[in-house]
PDB file of N, CA and C in Angstrom:
ATOM      1  N   UNK A   1       4.974  -4.699   9.807  1.00  0.00           N
ATOM      2  CA  UNK A   1       3.944  -3.940  10.095  1.00  0.00           C
ATOM      3  C   UNK A   1       3.465  -2.895   9.448  1.00  0.00           C
ATOM      4  N   UNK A   2       2.205  -2.602   9.573  1.00  0.00           N
ATOM      5  CA  UNK A   2       1.356  -1.301   9.032  1.00  0.00           C
ATOM      6  C   UNK A   2       0.475  -0.976   9.662  1.00  0.00           C
ATOM      7  N   UNK A   3       0.032   0.491   9.523  1.00  0.00           N
ATOM      8  CA  UNK A   3      -1.031   1.275  10.137  1.00  0.00           C
ATOM      9  C   UNK A   3      -2.320   0.800   9.119  1.00  0.00           C
ATOM     10  N   UNK A   4      -3.531   1.322   9.910  1.00  0.00           N
ATOM     11  CA  UNK A   4      -4.483   1.018   9.137  1.00  0.00           C
ATOM     12  C   UNK A   4      -4.800   2.095   7.491  1.00  0.00           C
ATOM     13  N   UNK A   5      -4.191   3.060   7.671  1.00  0.00           N
ATOM     14  CA  UNK A   5      -4.246   4.121   6.450  1.00  0.00           C
ATOM     15  C   UNK A   5      -3.935   3.499   5.056  1.00  0.00           C
ATOM     16  N   UNK A   6      -2.950   2.698   4.681  1.00  0.00           N
ATOM     17  CA  UNK A   6      -3.151   2.297   3.285  1.00  0.00           C
ATOM     18  C   UNK A   6      -4.502   1.434   2.805  1.00  0.00           C
ATOM     19  N   UNK A   7      -4.524   0.567   4.033  1.00  0.00           N
ATOM     20  CA  UNK A   7      -5.822  -0.231   3.466  1.00  0.00           C
ATOM     21  C   UNK A   7      -7.147   0.181   3.786  1.00  0.00           C
ATOM     22  N   UNK A   8      -7.392   1.669   4.222  1.00  0.00           N
ATOM     23  CA  UNK A   8      -8.407   2.359   4.119  1.00  0.00           C
ATOM     24  C   UNK A   8      -8.492   3.375   3.073  1.00  0.00           C
ATOM     25  N   UNK A   9      -7.675   3.357   2.270  1.00  0.00           N
ATOM     26  CA  UNK A   9      -7.330   4.456   1.258  1.00  0.00           C
ATOM     27  C   UNK A   9      -8.422   3.999   0.307  1.00  0.00           C
ATOM     28  N   UNK A  10      -9.383   5.369   0.120  1.00  0.00           N
ATOM     29  CA  UNK A  10     -10.443   5.255  -1.118  1.00  0.00           C
ATOM     30  C   UNK A  10      -9.580   5.316  -2.020  1.00  0.00           C
ATOM     31  N   UNK A  11     -10.147   4.745  -3.523  1.00  0.00           N
ATOM     32  CA  UNK A  11      -9.299   4.521  -4.687  1.00  0.00           C
ATOM     33  C   UNK A  11      -9.884   4.005  -5.855  1.00  0.00           C
ATOM     34  N   UNK A  12      -8.952   3.579  -6.614  1.00  0.00           N
ATOM     35  CA  UNK A  12      -9.190   2.233  -7.614  1.00  0.00           C
ATOM     36  C   UNK A  12     -10.636   2.988  -8.468  1.00  0.00           C
ATOM     37  N   UNK A  13     -10.744   1.883  -9.535  1.00  0.00           N
ATOM     38  CA  UNK A  13     -11.855   2.732 -10.449  1.00  0.00           C
ATOM     39  C   UNK A  13     -13.403   2.504  -9.893  1.00  0.00           C
ATOM     40  N   UNK A  14     -13.783   2.020  -8.783  1.00  0.00           N
ATOM     41  CA  UNK A  14     -14.631   2.402  -7.994  1.00  0.00           C
ATOM     42  C   UNK A  14     -14.941   2.984  -6.885  1.00  0.00           C
ATOM     43  N   UNK A  15     -13.740   3.776  -6.610  1.00  0.00           N
ATOM     44  CA  UNK A  15     -13.632   4.644  -5.520  1.00  0.00           C
ATOM     45  C   UNK A  15     -13.886   4.087  -4.025  1.00  0.00           C
ATOM     46  N   UNK A  16     -13.650   2.489  -3.841  1.00  0.00           N
ATOM     47  CA  UNK A  16     -13.431   1.700  -2.683  1.00  0.00           C
ATOM     48  C   UNK A  16     -12.363   1.626  -2.072  1.00  0.00           C
ATOM     49  N   UNK A  17     -12.233   1.110  -0.738  1.00  0.00           N
ATOM     50  CA  UNK A  17     -10.788   1.136  -0.257  1.00  0.00           C
ATOM     51  C   UNK A  17     -10.382   0.062  -0.407  1.00  0.00           C
ATOM     52  N   UNK A  18      -8.752   0.150  -0.042  1.00  0.00           N
ATOM     53  CA  UNK A  18      -7.842  -0.923  -0.720  1.00  0.00           C
ATOM     54  C   UNK A  18      -7.999  -2.159  -0.292  1.00  0.00           C
ATOM     55  N   UNK A  19      -8.423  -2.410   1.228  1.00  0.00           N
ATOM     56  CA  UNK A  19      -8.411  -3.176   1.766  1.00  0.00           C
ATOM     57  C   UNK A  19      -7.141  -4.379   2.327  1.00  0.00           C
ATOM     58  N   UNK A  20      -7.617  -4.949   3.342  1.00  0.00           N
ATOM     59  CA  UNK A  20      -6.352  -5.654   4.013  1.00  0.00           C
ATOM     60  C   UNK A  20      -5.596  -6.585   3.116  1.00  0.00           C
ATOM     61  N   UNK A  21      -6.862  -7.379   2.791  1.00  0.00           N
ATOM     62  CA  UNK A  21      -6.503  -8.693   2.033  1.00  0.00           C
ATOM     63  C   UNK A  21      -5.690  -8.210   0.702  1.00  0.00           C
ATOM     64  N   UNK A  22      -5.580  -7.321  -0.137  1.00  0.00           N
ATOM     65  CA  UNK A  22      -5.017  -6.634  -1.343  1.00  0.00           C
ATOM     66  C   UNK A  22      -3.903  -6.037  -1.052  1.00  0.00           C
ATOM     67  N   UNK A  23      -3.771  -5.261   0.156  1.00  0.00           N
ATOM     68  CA  UNK A  23      -2.275  -4.572   0.883  1.00  0.00           C
ATOM     69  C   UNK A  23      -1.616  -6.140   1.487  1.00  0.00           C
ATOM     70  N   UNK A  24      -2.213  -7.483   2.090  1.00  0.00           N
ATOM     71  CA  UNK A  24      -1.224  -8.618   2.433  1.00  0.00           C
ATOM     72  C   UNK A  24      -0.902  -9.294   1.107  1.00  0.00           C
ATOM     73  N   UNK A  25      -1.519  -9.058   0.090  1.00  0.00           N
ATOM     74  CA  UNK A  25      -1.447  -9.907  -1.449  1.00  0.00           C
ATOM     75  C   UNK A  25      -0.138  -9.237  -1.921  1.00  0.00           C
ATOM     76  N   UNK A  26      -0.138  -7.737  -1.986  1.00  0.00           N
ATOM     77  CA  UNK A  26       1.002  -6.751  -2.294  1.00  0.00           C
ATOM     78  C   UNK A  26       2.330  -7.073  -1.635  1.00  0.00           C
ATOM     79  N   UNK A  27       2.135  -7.086  -0.643  1.00  0.00           N
ATOM     80  CA  UNK A  27       3.505  -7.044   0.117  1.00  0.00           C
ATOM     81  C   UNK A  27       3.875  -8.646   0.143  1.00  0.00           C
ATOM     82  N   UNK A  28       3.108  -9.532   0.032  1.00  0.00           N
ATOM     83  CA  UNK A  28       3.524 -11.199  -0.019  1.00  0.00           C
ATOM     84  C   UNK A  28       3.943 -11.427  -1.886  1.00  0.00           C
ATOM     85  N   UNK A  29       3.643 -10.525  -2.270  1.00  0.00           N
ATOM     86  CA  UNK A  29       4.184 -10.889  -3.914  1.00  0.00           C
ATOM     87  C   UNK A  29       5.388 -10.421  -3.920  1.00  0.00           C
ATOM     88  N   UNK A  30       5.557  -9.345  -3.510  1.00  0.00           N
ATOM     89  CA  UNK A  30       6.848  -8.558  -3.641  1.00  0.00           C
ATOM     90  C   UNK A  30       8.041  -9.002  -2.593  1.00  0.00           C
ATOM     91  N   UNK A  31       7.674  -9.509  -1.491  1.00  0.00           N
ATOM     92  CA  UNK A  31       8.787  -9.941  -0.906  1.00  0.00           C
ATOM     93  C   UNK A  31      10.162 -10.193  -0.886  1.00  0.00           C
ATOM     94  N   UNK A  32       9.994 -10.977  -2.293  1.00  0.00           N
ATOM     95  CA  UNK A  32      11.341 -11.446  -2.700  1.00  0.00           C
ATOM     96  C   UNK A  32      12.533 -10.635  -3.024  1.00  0.00           C
ATOM     97  N   UNK A  33      11.929  -9.073  -3.013  1.00  0.00           N
ATOM     98  CA  UNK A  33      12.631  -8.137  -3.651  1.00  0.00           C
ATOM     99  C   UNK A  33      13.501  -7.619  -3.164  1.00  0.00           C
ATOM    100  N   UNK A  34      14.382  -6.500  -3.410  1.00  0.00           N
ATOM    101  CA  UNK A  34      14.907  -5.776  -2.157  1.00  0.00           C
ATOM    102  C   UNK A  34      14.231  -4.852  -1.408  1.00  0.00           C
ATOM    103  N   UNK A  35      14.434  -4.308  -0.103  1.00  0.00           N
ATOM    104  CA  UNK A  35      13.694  -3.100   0.591  1.00  0.00           C
ATOM    105  C   UNK A  35      13.516  -2.164  -0.177  1.00  0.00           C
ATOM    106  N   UNK A  36      14.200  -1.524  -1.300  1.00  0.00           N
ATOM    107  CA  UNK A  36      14.342  -0.084  -1.841  1.00  0.00           C
ATOM    108  C   UNK A  36      13.350  -0.637  -3.508  1.00  0.00           C
ATOM    109  N   UNK A  37      13.001  -1.790  -3.674  1.00  0.00           N
ATOM    110  CA  UNK A  37      12.552  -2.042  -4.672  1.00  0.00           C
ATOM    111  C   UNK A  37      11.115  -2.083  -4.230  1.00  0.00           C
ATOM    112  N   UNK A  38      10.804  -2.767  -2.993  1.00  0.00           N
ATOM    113  CA  UNK A  38       9.644  -3.266  -2.091  1.00  0.00           C
ATOM    114  C   UNK A  38       8.999  -1.868  -1.824  1.00  0.00           C
ATOM    115  N   UNK A  39       9.986  -0.735  -1.582  1.00  0.00           N
ATOM    116  CA  UNK A  39       9.215   0.205  -1.036  1.00  0.00           C
ATOM    117  C   UNK A  39       8.693   1.304  -2.558  1.00  0.00           C
ATOM    118  N   UNK A  40       9.376   0.912  -3.584  1.00  0.00           N
ATOM    119  CA  UNK A  40       8.779   1.774  -5.101  1.00  0.00           C
ATOM    120  C   UNK A  40       7.470   1.321  -5.267  1.00  0.00           C
ATOM    121  N   UNK A  41       7.539   0.018  -5.345  1.00  0.00           N
ATOM    122  CA  UNK A  41       6.305  -0.695  -5.605  1.00  0.00           C
ATOM    123  C   UNK A  41       5.252  -0.405  -4.858  1.00  0.00           C
ATOM    124  N   UNK A  42       5.308  -0.287  -3.815  1.00  0.00           N
ATOM    125  CA  UNK A  42       4.488   0.052  -2.598  1.00  0.00           C
ATOM    126  C   UNK A  42       3.983   1.678  -2.387  1.00  0.00           C
ATOM    127  N   UNK A  43       4.827   2.239  -2.724  1.00  0.00           N
ATOM    128  CA  UNK A  43       4.574   3.498  -3.131  1.00  0.00           C
ATOM    129  C   UNK A  43       3.722   3.864  -4.178  1.00  0.00           C
ATOM    130  N   UNK A  44       4.196   3.533  -5.574  1.00  0.00           N
ATOM    131  CA  UNK A  44       3.774   3.490  -6.425  1.00  0.00           C
ATOM    132  C   UNK A  44       2.103   3.104  -6.482  1.00  0.00           C
ATOM    133  N   UNK A  45       2.173   1.859  -6.117  1.00  0.00           N
ATOM    134  CA  UNK A  45       0.589   1.010  -5.935  1.00  0.00           C
ATOM    135  C   UNK A  45      -0.424   2.322  -5.175  1.00  0.00           C
ATOM    136  N   UNK A  46       0.160   2.495  -3.881  1.00  0.00           N
ATOM    137  CA  UNK A  46      -0.586   3.764  -3.169  1.00  0.00           C
ATOM    138  C   UNK A  46      -1.195   4.805  -3.975  1.00  0.00           C
ATOM    139  N   UNK A  47      -0.297   5.522  -4.727  1.00  0.00           N
ATOM    140  CA  UNK A  47      -0.374   6.840  -5.597  1.00  0.00           C
ATOM    141  C   UNK A  47      -1.060   6.343  -6.964  1.00  0.00           C
ATOM    142  N   UNK A  48      -1.433   5.264  -7.319  1.00  0.00           N
ATOM    143  CA  UNK A  48      -2.137   4.995  -8.416  1.00  0.00           C
ATOM    144  C   UNK A  48      -3.474   4.962  -7.855  1.00  0.00           C
ATOM    145  N   UNK A  49      -3.463   3.939  -6.697  1.00  0.00           N
ATOM    146  CA  UNK A  49      -4.985   3.701  -6.158  1.00  0.00           C
ATOM    147  C   UNK A  49      -5.623   4.919  -5.677  1.00  0.00           C
ATOM    148  N   UNK A  50      -4.800   5.612  -4.832  1.00  0.00           N
ATOM    149  CA  UNK A  50      -5.366   6.849  -4.508  1.00  0.00           C
ATOM    150  C   UNK A  50      -6.213   7.883  -5.901  1.00  0.00           C
ATOM    151  N   UNK A  51      -5.094   7.827  -6.920  1.00  0.00           N
ATOM    152  CA  UNK A  51      -5.382   8.849  -7.860  1.00  0.00           C
ATOM    153  C   UNK A  51      -5.415  10.328  -7.567  1.00  0.00           C
ATOM    154  N   UNK A  52      -6.352  10.820  -8.137  1.00  0.00           N
ATOM    155  CA  UNK A  52      -6.790  12.568  -7.415  1.00  0.00           C
ATOM    156  C   UNK A  52      -7.698  12.426  -6.197  1.00  0.00           C
ATOM    157  N   UNK A  53      -7.657  11.398  -5.765  1.00  0.00           N
ATOM    158  CA  UNK A  53      -8.896  11.330  -4.456  1.00  0.00           C
ATOM    159  C   UNK A  53      -7.640  11.865  -3.067  1.00  0.00           C
ATOM    160  N   UNK A  54      -8.231  12.617  -2.327  1.00  0.00           N
ATOM    161  CA  UNK A  54      -7.391  12.856  -1.102  1.00  0.00           C
ATOM    162  C   UNK A  54      -7.132  11.901  -0.280  1.00  0.00           C
ATOM    163  N   UNK A  55      -5.908  12.119   0.392  1.00  0.00           N
ATOM    164  CA  UNK A  55      -5.369  10.742   1.464  1.00  0.00           C
ATOM    165  C   UNK A  55      -5.978  10.984   2.661  1.00  0.00           C
ATOM    166  N   UNK A  56      -6.549  10.187   3.174  1.00  0.00           N
ATOM    167  CA  UNK A  56      -7.563  10.518   4.387  1.00  0.00           C
ATOM    168  C   UNK A  56      -7.366   9.819   5.529  1.00  0.00           C
ATOM    169  N   UNK A  57      -5.899   9.292   5.646  1.00  0.00           N
ATOM    170  CA  UNK A  57      -5.396   8.913   7.199  1.00  0.00           C
ATOM    171  C   UNK A  57      -3.823   8.810   6.909  1.00  0.00           C
ATOM    172  N   UNK A  58      -3.126   8.750   7.717  1.00  0.00           N
ATOM    173  CA  UNK A  58      -1.448   8.692   7.858  1.00  0.00           C
ATOM    174  C   UNK A  58      -1.509   7.258   7.158  1.00  0.00           C
ATOM    175  N   UNK A  59      -0.061   7.042   6.687  1.00  0.00           N
ATOM    176  CA  UNK A  59      -0.009   5.617   6.203  1.00  0.00           C
ATOM    177  C   UNK A  59       1.632   5.624   6.633  1.00  0.00           C
ATOM    178  N   UNK A  60       1.994   4.210   7.172  1.00  0.00           N
ATOM    179  CA  UNK A  60       3.043   3.781   7.724  1.00  0.00           C
ATOM    180  C   UNK A  60       3.218   2.273   7.252  1.00  0.00           C
ATOM    181  N   UNK A  61       4.110   1.621   6.752  1.00  0.00           N
ATOM    182  CA  UNK A  61       4.514   0.230   6.620  1.00  0.00           C
ATOM    183  C   UNK A  61       6.063   0.338   7.024  1.00  0.00           C
ATOM    184  N   UNK A  62       6.237  -0.473   7.923  1.00  0.00           N
ATOM    185  CA  UNK A  62       7.503  -0.772   8.420  1.00  0.00           C
ATOM    186  C   UNK A  62       7.890  -1.964   8.298  1.00  0.00           C
ATOM    187  N   UNK A  63       8.959  -2.215   7.430  1.00  0.00           N
ATOM    188  CA  UNK A  63       9.844  -3.414   7.017  1.00  0.00           C
ATOM    189  C   UNK A  63      11.177  -3.876   7.735  1.00  0.00           C
ATOM    190  N   UNK A  64      11.318  -5.220   8.087  1.00  0.00           N
ATOM    191  CA  UNK A  64      12.411  -5.637   8.876  1.00  0.00           C
ATOM    192  C   UNK A  64      13.007  -6.470   8.293  1.00  0.00           C
ATOM    193  N   UNK A  65      13.943  -6.413   7.621  1.00  0.00           N
ATOM    194  CA  UNK A  65      14.885  -7.285   6.891  1.00  0.00           C
ATOM    195  C   UNK A  65      15.738  -8.451   8.264  1.00  0.00           C
ATOM    196  N   UNK A  66      15.619  -9.421   7.701  1.00  0.00           N
ATOM    197  CA  UNK A  66      16.314 -10.737   8.754  1.00  0.00           C
ATOM    198  C   UNK A  66      16.747 -11.467   7.875  1.00  0.00           C
TER     199      UNK A  66
END
């Protein structure tokens, strides 16, 4: 589960939104990793995407291990 904050964040080389498709692909591509590794990748990807731009919204991602 996640809020819209991650997908709506502006950044990247063209200053555009991250978008839901890219977020879903990121989550699926790393779903085989441990929860800690996923958290690290998700956080690093967000920070890299955002760059020097201001964070525009709250960001919440909840993962459940089954």
